[in-house]
Amino acid sequence: MIEFVGLVLAAYLIGSVSGSLLLGRLRGIDIRRMGSGNAGGTNALRSVGWRFAVAVVVVDVGKGAVAAGLLPLATGPLGTDPSLSAWLPAACGLAAVVGHIWPVYFGFRGGKGAGTAVGAVAVVAPWCILPLLVVWVSVIIGTGYVGLATVLAGLSLVPSMWLFGPDPLPPPLGWLAIVMALLLVLTHRANLARLKAGEESRFERAQIWRRRDR
């Protein structure tokens, strides 16, 4: 159990390495003081540019994959209880997402966790990635709302996990899908409130159908 907790804590610390905040410091900027104030890829794209945003996404997705994929490999030398080993990839992936949202290195003010969640899911449940991306891209093209697209893609993780995953689905994966979906709804609650009030900004360049109608 001690080894399990240690690895999950290590995953949280990896997740706390925020791509936009780390790369922003190297450029002398704090992305949280720009645009929407969110330390994520969308705000990085709108506020700084696509090159910076791509680098941010690579870091954020990569740390989720590292936490969920590489840290559990330490179970052998660390001698983690076999009964807990099945839970370790999901727990480490989730811990990395929590670290991204509430990073210990940056005053517990981070991003919304979507990129890191994608990295973790790509490792532990790769069959969910295509449906998740289809939902995300479809909503953005149809509405232009990135926040709404991310929330709906996160919610799609739950049915995708059961529909396309192994039968029976391992409990750790089921719980991972549910908790990640809830976290994405939580971190995007301000987006949903603005959407309800008609104040949410659109990503116009991605809204293909609207451009065609003009």
C-alpha atoms as a PDB file:
ATOM      1  CA  MET A   1       0.000   0.000   0.000  1.00  0.00           C
ATOM      2  CA  ILE A   2       2.846   2.429   0.792  1.00  0.00           C
ATOM      3  CA  GLU A   3       4.349   1.836  -2.642  1.00  0.00           C
ATOM      4  CA  PHE A   4       0.952   2.340  -4.281  1.00  0.00           C
ATOM      5  CA  VAL A   5       0.432   5.672  -2.531  1.00  0.00           C
ATOM      6  CA  GLY A   6       3.987   6.725  -3.402  1.00  0.00           C
ATOM      7  CA  LEU A   7       3.463   6.059  -7.103  1.00  0.00           C
ATOM      8  CA  VAL A   8       0.121   7.876  -7.146  1.00  0.00           C
ATOM      9  CA  LEU A   9       1.774  10.839  -5.409  1.00  0.00           C
ATOM     10  CA  ALA A  10       4.550  10.763  -8.021  1.00  0.00           C
ATOM     11  CA  ALA A  11       1.875  10.840 -10.737  1.00  0.00           C
ATOM     12  CA  TYR A  12       0.312  13.894  -9.088  1.00  0.00           C
ATOM     13  CA  LEU A  13       3.691  15.645  -9.054  1.00  0.00           C
ATOM     14  CA  ILE A  14       4.206  14.813 -12.744  1.00  0.00           C
ATOM     15  CA  GLY A  15       0.748  16.157 -13.486  1.00  0.00           C
ATOM     16  CA  SER A  16       1.599  19.356 -11.623  1.00  0.00           C
ATOM     17  CA  VAL A  17       4.183  20.189 -14.295  1.00  0.00           C
ATOM     18  CA  SER A  18       1.849  22.437 -16.291  1.00  0.00           C
ATOM     19  CA  GLY A  19       2.925  22.808 -19.917  1.00  0.00           C
ATOM     20  CA  SER A  20       1.598  26.334 -20.396  1.00  0.00           C
ATOM     21  CA  LEU A  21       2.917  27.623 -17.076  1.00  0.00           C
ATOM     22  CA  LEU A  22       6.348  26.015 -17.437  1.00  0.00           C
ATOM     23  CA  LEU A  23       6.828  27.103 -21.050  1.00  0.00           C
ATOM     24  CA  GLY A  24       5.303  30.467 -20.212  1.00  0.00           C
ATOM     25  CA  ARG A  25       7.921  31.070 -17.530  1.00  0.00           C
ATOM     26  CA  LEU A  26      10.634  30.356 -20.083  1.00  0.00           C
ATOM     27  CA  ARG A  27       9.090  33.099 -22.228  1.00  0.00           C
ATOM     28  CA  GLY A  28       8.517  35.444 -19.302  1.00  0.00           C
ATOM     29  CA  ILE A  29       4.715  35.259 -19.404  1.00  0.00           C
ATOM     30  CA  ASP A  30       1.981  33.891 -17.151  1.00  0.00           C
ATOM     31  CA  ILE A  31      -0.803  32.477 -19.310  1.00  0.00           C
ATOM     32  CA  ARG A  32      -3.198  32.829 -16.370  1.00  0.00           C
ATOM     33  CA  ARG A  33      -2.962  36.621 -16.794  1.00  0.00           C
ATOM     34  CA  MET A  34      -3.872  36.435 -20.484  1.00  0.00           C
ATOM     35  CA  GLY A  35      -7.089  35.754 -22.378  1.00  0.00           C
ATOM     36  CA  SER A  36      -9.496  33.603 -20.386  1.00  0.00           C
ATOM     37  CA  GLY A  37      -6.951  33.126 -17.597  1.00  0.00           C
ATOM     38  CA  ASN A  38      -6.911  29.357 -18.052  1.00  0.00           C
ATOM     39  CA  ALA A  39      -3.602  27.500 -18.122  1.00  0.00           C
ATOM     40  CA  GLY A  40      -4.614  25.246 -21.002  1.00  0.00           C
ATOM     41  CA  GLY A  41      -4.051  24.687 -24.699  1.00  0.00           C
ATOM     42  CA  THR A  42      -7.065  26.669 -25.952  1.00  0.00           C
ATOM     43  CA  ASN A  43      -6.096  29.827 -24.096  1.00  0.00           C
ATOM     44  CA  ALA A  44      -2.477  29.304 -25.165  1.00  0.00           C
ATOM     45  CA  LEU A  45      -3.605  29.183 -28.794  1.00  0.00           C
ATOM     46  CA  ARG A  46      -5.764  32.279 -28.554  1.00  0.00           C
ATOM     47  CA  SER A  47      -3.337  34.325 -26.461  1.00  0.00           C
ATOM     48  CA  VAL A  48       0.130  33.319 -27.646  1.00  0.00           C
ATOM     49  CA  GLY A  49      -0.119  31.380 -30.906  1.00  0.00           C
ATOM     50  CA  TRP A  50      -0.278  27.912 -32.392  1.00  0.00           C
ATOM     51  CA  ARG A  51       3.399  26.983 -31.900  1.00  0.00           C
ATOM     52  CA  PHE A  52       3.203  27.676 -28.196  1.00  0.00           C
ATOM     53  CA  ALA A  53      -0.164  25.884 -27.984  1.00  0.00           C
ATOM     54  CA  VAL A  54       1.186  22.755 -29.709  1.00  0.00           C
ATOM     55  CA  ALA A  55       4.105  22.619 -27.271  1.00  0.00           C
ATOM     56  CA  VAL A  56       1.685  22.995 -24.360  1.00  0.00           C
ATOM     57  CA  VAL A  57      -0.540  20.177 -25.621  1.00  0.00           C
ATOM     58  CA  VAL A  58       2.449  17.871 -26.158  1.00  0.00           C
ATOM     59  CA  VAL A  59       3.585  18.399 -22.565  1.00  0.00           C
ATOM     60  CA  ASP A  60       0.109  18.040 -21.074  1.00  0.00           C
ATOM     61  CA  VAL A  61      -0.859  14.930 -23.059  1.00  0.00           C
ATOM     62  CA  GLY A  62       2.583  13.434 -22.570  1.00  0.00           C
ATOM     63  CA  LYS A  63       2.561  13.700 -18.796  1.00  0.00           C
ATOM     64  CA  GLY A  64      -0.788  11.901 -18.630  1.00  0.00           C
ATOM     65  CA  ALA A  65       0.620   9.090 -20.751  1.00  0.00           C
ATOM     66  CA  VAL A  66       3.808   8.899 -18.692  1.00  0.00           C
ATOM     67  CA  ALA A  67       1.929   8.813 -15.404  1.00  0.00           C
ATOM     68  CA  ALA A  68      -0.505   6.108 -16.516  1.00  0.00           C
ATOM     69  CA  GLY A  69       1.928   4.117 -18.635  1.00  0.00           C
ATOM     70  CA  LEU A  70       5.400   4.311 -17.147  1.00  0.00           C
ATOM     71  CA  LEU A  71       4.916   4.731 -13.407  1.00  0.00           C
ATOM     72  CA  PRO A  72       2.986   1.426 -13.042  1.00  0.00           C
ATOM     73  CA  LEU A  73       6.033  -0.365 -14.456  1.00  0.00           C
ATOM     74  CA  ALA A  74       7.720   0.356 -11.130  1.00  0.00           C
ATOM     75  CA  THR A  75       5.399  -2.109  -9.396  1.00  0.00           C
ATOM     76  CA  GLY A  76       7.902  -4.921  -9.912  1.00  0.00           C
ATOM     77  CA  PRO A  77      10.901  -3.492  -8.094  1.00  0.00           C
ATOM     78  CA  LEU A  78       8.700  -1.731  -5.562  1.00  0.00           C
ATOM     79  CA  GLY A  79       6.729  -4.859  -4.767  1.00  0.00           C
ATOM     80  CA  THR A  80       3.293  -3.234  -4.839  1.00  0.00           C
ATOM     81  CA  ASP A  81       0.469  -5.438  -3.537  1.00  0.00           C
ATOM     82  CA  PRO A  82      -0.858  -7.450  -6.540  1.00  0.00           C
ATOM     83  CA  SER A  83      -4.427  -6.725  -5.469  1.00  0.00           C
ATOM     84  CA  LEU A  84      -3.731  -3.025  -6.010  1.00  0.00           C
ATOM     85  CA  SER A  85      -1.664  -3.334  -9.183  1.00  0.00           C
ATOM     86  CA  ALA A  86      -4.760  -3.466 -11.410  1.00  0.00           C
ATOM     87  CA  TRP A  87      -5.838  -0.102 -10.017  1.00  0.00           C
ATOM     88  CA  LEU A  88      -2.448   1.568 -10.402  1.00  0.00           C
ATOM     89  CA  PRO A  89      -2.542   2.751 -14.077  1.00  0.00           C
ATOM     90  CA  ALA A  90      -5.998   4.288 -13.637  1.00  0.00           C
ATOM     91  CA  ALA A  91      -5.091   5.831 -10.272  1.00  0.00           C
ATOM     92  CA  CYS A  92      -1.852   7.311 -11.631  1.00  0.00           C
ATOM     93  CA  GLY A  93      -3.602   8.685 -14.717  1.00  0.00           C
ATOM     94  CA  LEU A  94      -6.276  10.293 -12.578  1.00  0.00           C
ATOM     95  CA  ALA A  95      -3.673  11.689 -10.172  1.00  0.00           C
ATOM     96  CA  ALA A  96      -1.882  13.337 -13.096  1.00  0.00           C
ATOM     97  CA  VAL A  97      -5.139  15.013 -14.150  1.00  0.00           C
ATOM     98  CA  VAL A  98      -5.694  16.248 -10.595  1.00  0.00           C
ATOM     99  CA  GLY A  99      -2.125  17.564 -10.582  1.00  0.00           C
ATOM    100  CA  HIS A 100      -2.755  19.466 -13.802  1.00  0.00           C
ATOM    101  CA  ILE A 101      -5.909  21.060 -12.405  1.00  0.00           C
ATOM    102  CA  TRP A 102      -4.424  21.831  -8.979  1.00  0.00           C
ATOM    103  CA  PRO A 103      -0.622  21.949  -9.502  1.00  0.00           C
ATOM    104  CA  VAL A 104       1.430  22.081  -6.334  1.00  0.00           C
ATOM    105  CA  TYR A 105       4.221  23.986  -8.128  1.00  0.00           C
ATOM    106  CA  PHE A 106       1.951  26.818  -9.301  1.00  0.00           C
ATOM    107  CA  GLY A 107      -0.179  27.670  -6.294  1.00  0.00           C
ATOM    108  CA  PHE A 108      -2.806  25.013  -7.109  1.00  0.00           C
ATOM    109  CA  ARG A 109      -4.049  27.082 -10.069  1.00  0.00           C
ATOM    110  CA  GLY A 110      -3.725  25.090 -13.255  1.00  0.00           C
ATOM    111  CA  GLY A 111      -5.682  24.096 -16.334  1.00  0.00           C
ATOM    112  CA  LYS A 112      -8.852  22.110 -16.876  1.00  0.00           C
ATOM    113  CA  GLY A 113      -7.288  18.696 -17.298  1.00  0.00           C
ATOM    114  CA  ALA A 114      -8.529  17.696 -20.762  1.00  0.00           C
ATOM    115  CA  GLY A 115      -5.147  17.174 -22.435  1.00  0.00           C
ATOM    116  CA  THR A 116      -3.725  15.212 -19.528  1.00  0.00           C
ATOM    117  CA  ALA A 117      -6.887  13.105 -19.414  1.00  0.00           C
ATOM    118  CA  VAL A 118      -6.469  12.266 -23.106  1.00  0.00           C
ATOM    119  CA  GLY A 119      -2.884  11.149 -22.497  1.00  0.00           C
ATOM    120  CA  ALA A 120      -3.906   8.883 -19.633  1.00  0.00           C
ATOM    121  CA  VAL A 121      -6.887   7.406 -21.487  1.00  0.00           C
ATOM    122  CA  ALA A 122      -4.762   6.773 -24.584  1.00  0.00           C
ATOM    123  CA  VAL A 123      -2.619   4.444 -22.472  1.00  0.00           C
ATOM    124  CA  VAL A 124      -5.169   2.641 -20.291  1.00  0.00           C
ATOM    125  CA  ALA A 125      -8.187   2.610 -22.642  1.00  0.00           C
ATOM    126  CA  PRO A 126      -7.069   3.395 -26.229  1.00  0.00           C
ATOM    127  CA  TRP A 127     -10.403   2.224 -27.662  1.00  0.00           C
ATOM    128  CA  CYS A 128     -12.004   5.363 -26.198  1.00  0.00           C
ATOM    129  CA  ILE A 129      -9.807   7.844 -28.062  1.00  0.00           C
ATOM    130  CA  LEU A 130     -11.480   7.705 -31.480  1.00  0.00           C
ATOM    131  CA  PRO A 131     -15.061   8.154 -30.157  1.00  0.00           C
ATOM    132  CA  LEU A 132     -13.846  10.921 -27.849  1.00  0.00           C
ATOM    133  CA  LEU A 133     -12.160  12.771 -30.728  1.00  0.00           C
ATOM    134  CA  VAL A 134     -15.170  12.300 -33.010  1.00  0.00           C
ATOM    135  CA  VAL A 135     -17.452  13.907 -30.418  1.00  0.00           C
ATOM    136  CA  TRP A 136     -14.985  16.720 -29.697  1.00  0.00           C
ATOM    137  CA  VAL A 137     -14.351  17.617 -33.333  1.00  0.00           C
ATOM    138  CA  SER A 138     -18.029  17.308 -34.310  1.00  0.00           C
ATOM    139  CA  VAL A 139     -19.187  19.672 -31.571  1.00  0.00           C
ATOM    140  CA  ILE A 140     -16.490  22.242 -32.361  1.00  0.00           C
ATOM    141  CA  ILE A 141     -17.277  22.165 -36.085  1.00  0.00           C
ATOM    142  CA  GLY A 142     -20.993  22.427 -35.410  1.00  0.00           C
ATOM    143  CA  THR A 143     -21.012  25.034 -32.647  1.00  0.00           C
ATOM    144  CA  GLY A 144     -17.566  26.590 -32.261  1.00  0.00           C
ATOM    145  CA  TYR A 145     -17.710  26.092 -28.485  1.00  0.00           C
ATOM    146  CA  VAL A 146     -14.491  24.426 -27.306  1.00  0.00           C
ATOM    147  CA  GLY A 147     -15.628  24.139 -23.692  1.00  0.00           C
ATOM    148  CA  LEU A 148     -18.891  22.439 -24.669  1.00  0.00           C
ATOM    149  CA  ALA A 149     -17.014  20.097 -26.993  1.00  0.00           C
ATOM    150  CA  THR A 150     -14.637  19.115 -24.203  1.00  0.00           C
ATOM    151  CA  VAL A 151     -17.442  18.478 -21.714  1.00  0.00           C
ATOM    152  CA  LEU A 152     -19.426  16.333 -24.151  1.00  0.00           C
ATOM    153  CA  ALA A 153     -16.300  14.443 -25.190  1.00  0.00           C
ATOM    154  CA  GLY A 154     -15.532  13.805 -21.530  1.00  0.00           C
ATOM    155  CA  LEU A 155     -19.048  12.534 -20.905  1.00  0.00           C
ATOM    156  CA  SER A 156     -18.762  10.281 -23.965  1.00  0.00           C
ATOM    157  CA  LEU A 157     -15.876   8.573 -22.223  1.00  0.00           C
ATOM    158  CA  VAL A 158     -18.322   6.735 -19.958  1.00  0.00           C
ATOM    159  CA  PRO A 159     -20.395   4.916 -22.604  1.00  0.00           C
ATOM    160  CA  SER A 160     -17.330   4.419 -24.812  1.00  0.00           C
ATOM    161  CA  MET A 161     -15.500   2.679 -21.990  1.00  0.00           C
ATOM    162  CA  TRP A 162     -18.248   0.068 -21.668  1.00  0.00           C
ATOM    163  CA  LEU A 163     -19.339  -0.204 -25.320  1.00  0.00           C
ATOM    164  CA  PHE A 164     -15.910  -0.658 -26.872  1.00  0.00           C
ATOM    165  CA  GLY A 165     -13.895  -2.019 -23.942  1.00  0.00           C
ATOM    166  CA  PRO A 166     -13.345  -5.588 -22.778  1.00  0.00           C
ATOM    167  CA  ASP A 167     -16.230  -7.588 -21.394  1.00  0.00           C
ATOM    168  CA  PRO A 168     -16.373  -7.578 -18.444  1.00  0.00           C
ATOM    169  CA  LEU A 169     -14.864  -4.127 -18.028  1.00  0.00           C
ATOM    170  CA  PRO A 170     -12.275  -3.973 -15.227  1.00  0.00           C
ATOM    171  CA  PRO A 171     -13.658  -1.850 -12.350  1.00  0.00           C
ATOM    172  CA  PRO A 172     -10.649   0.537 -12.340  1.00  0.00           C
ATOM    173  CA  LEU A 173     -11.425   1.595 -15.917  1.00  0.00           C
ATOM    174  CA  GLY A 174     -15.101   2.101 -15.175  1.00  0.00           C
ATOM    175  CA  TRP A 175     -14.360   4.320 -12.207  1.00  0.00           C
ATOM    176  CA  LEU A 176     -11.679   6.182 -14.155  1.00  0.00           C
ATOM    177  CA  ALA A 177     -14.183   7.066 -16.895  1.00  0.00           C
ATOM    178  CA  ILE A 178     -16.812   8.263 -14.417  1.00  0.00           C
ATOM    179  CA  VAL A 179     -14.464  10.343 -12.271  1.00  0.00           C
ATOM    180  CA  MET A 180     -12.694  11.915 -15.266  1.00  0.00           C
ATOM    181  CA  ALA A 181     -16.020  12.844 -16.855  1.00  0.00           C
ATOM    182  CA  LEU A 182     -17.150  14.479 -13.614  1.00  0.00           C
ATOM    183  CA  LEU A 183     -13.849  16.342 -13.274  1.00  0.00           C
ATOM    184  CA  LEU A 184     -14.154  17.765 -16.785  1.00  0.00           C
ATOM    185  CA  VAL A 185     -17.687  18.948 -16.055  1.00  0.00           C
ATOM    186  CA  LEU A 186     -16.422  20.521 -12.811  1.00  0.00           C
ATOM    187  CA  THR A 187     -13.498  22.332 -14.428  1.00  0.00           C
ATOM    188  CA  HIS A 188     -15.702  23.611 -17.275  1.00  0.00           C
ATOM    189  CA  ARG A 189     -18.571  24.775 -15.066  1.00  0.00           C
ATOM    190  CA  ALA A 190     -17.753  28.427 -15.824  1.00  0.00           C
ATOM    191  CA  ASN A 191     -17.912  27.679 -19.562  1.00  0.00           C
ATOM    192  CA  LEU A 192     -21.301  26.021 -19.117  1.00  0.00           C
ATOM    193  CA  ALA A 193     -22.572  28.983 -17.089  1.00  0.00           C
ATOM    194  CA  ARG A 194     -21.439  31.428 -19.795  1.00  0.00           C
ATOM    195  CA  LEU A 195     -22.985  29.210 -22.454  1.00  0.00           C
ATOM    196  CA  LYS A 196     -26.310  29.253 -20.618  1.00  0.00           C
ATOM    197  CA  ALA A 197     -26.115  33.035 -20.327  1.00  0.00           C
ATOM    198  CA  GLY A 198     -25.221  33.395 -24.012  1.00  0.00           C
ATOM    199  CA  GLU A 199     -21.810  34.840 -23.164  1.00  0.00           C
ATOM    200  CA  GLU A 200     -19.486  31.980 -24.126  1.00  0.00           C
ATOM    201  CA  SER A 201     -16.984  32.880 -26.848  1.00  0.00           C
ATOM    202  CA  ARG A 202     -16.796  30.756 -29.989  1.00  0.00           C
ATOM    203  CA  PHE A 203     -13.752  29.443 -31.799  1.00  0.00           C
ATOM    204  CA  GLU A 204     -14.940  30.887 -35.094  1.00  0.00           C
ATOM    205  CA  ARG A 205     -12.165  29.472 -37.267  1.00  0.00           C
ATOM    206  CA  ALA A 206     -13.206  25.925 -36.383  1.00  0.00           C
ATOM    207  CA  GLN A 207     -16.931  26.447 -36.962  1.00  0.00           C
ATOM    208  CA  ILE A 208     -17.012  25.183 -40.538  1.00  0.00           C
ATOM    209  CA  TRP A 209     -20.796  25.010 -40.998  1.00  0.00           C
ATOM    210  CA  ARG A 210     -21.345  28.603 -39.972  1.00  0.00           C
ATOM    211  CA  ARG A 211     -18.642  29.806 -42.351  1.00  0.00           C
ATOM    212  CA  ARG A 212     -20.281  27.906 -45.211  1.00  0.00           C
ATOM    213  CA  ASP A 213     -23.608  29.609 -44.565  1.00  0.00           C
ATOM    214  CA  ARG A 214     -22.153  33.082 -44.908  1.00  0.00           C
END
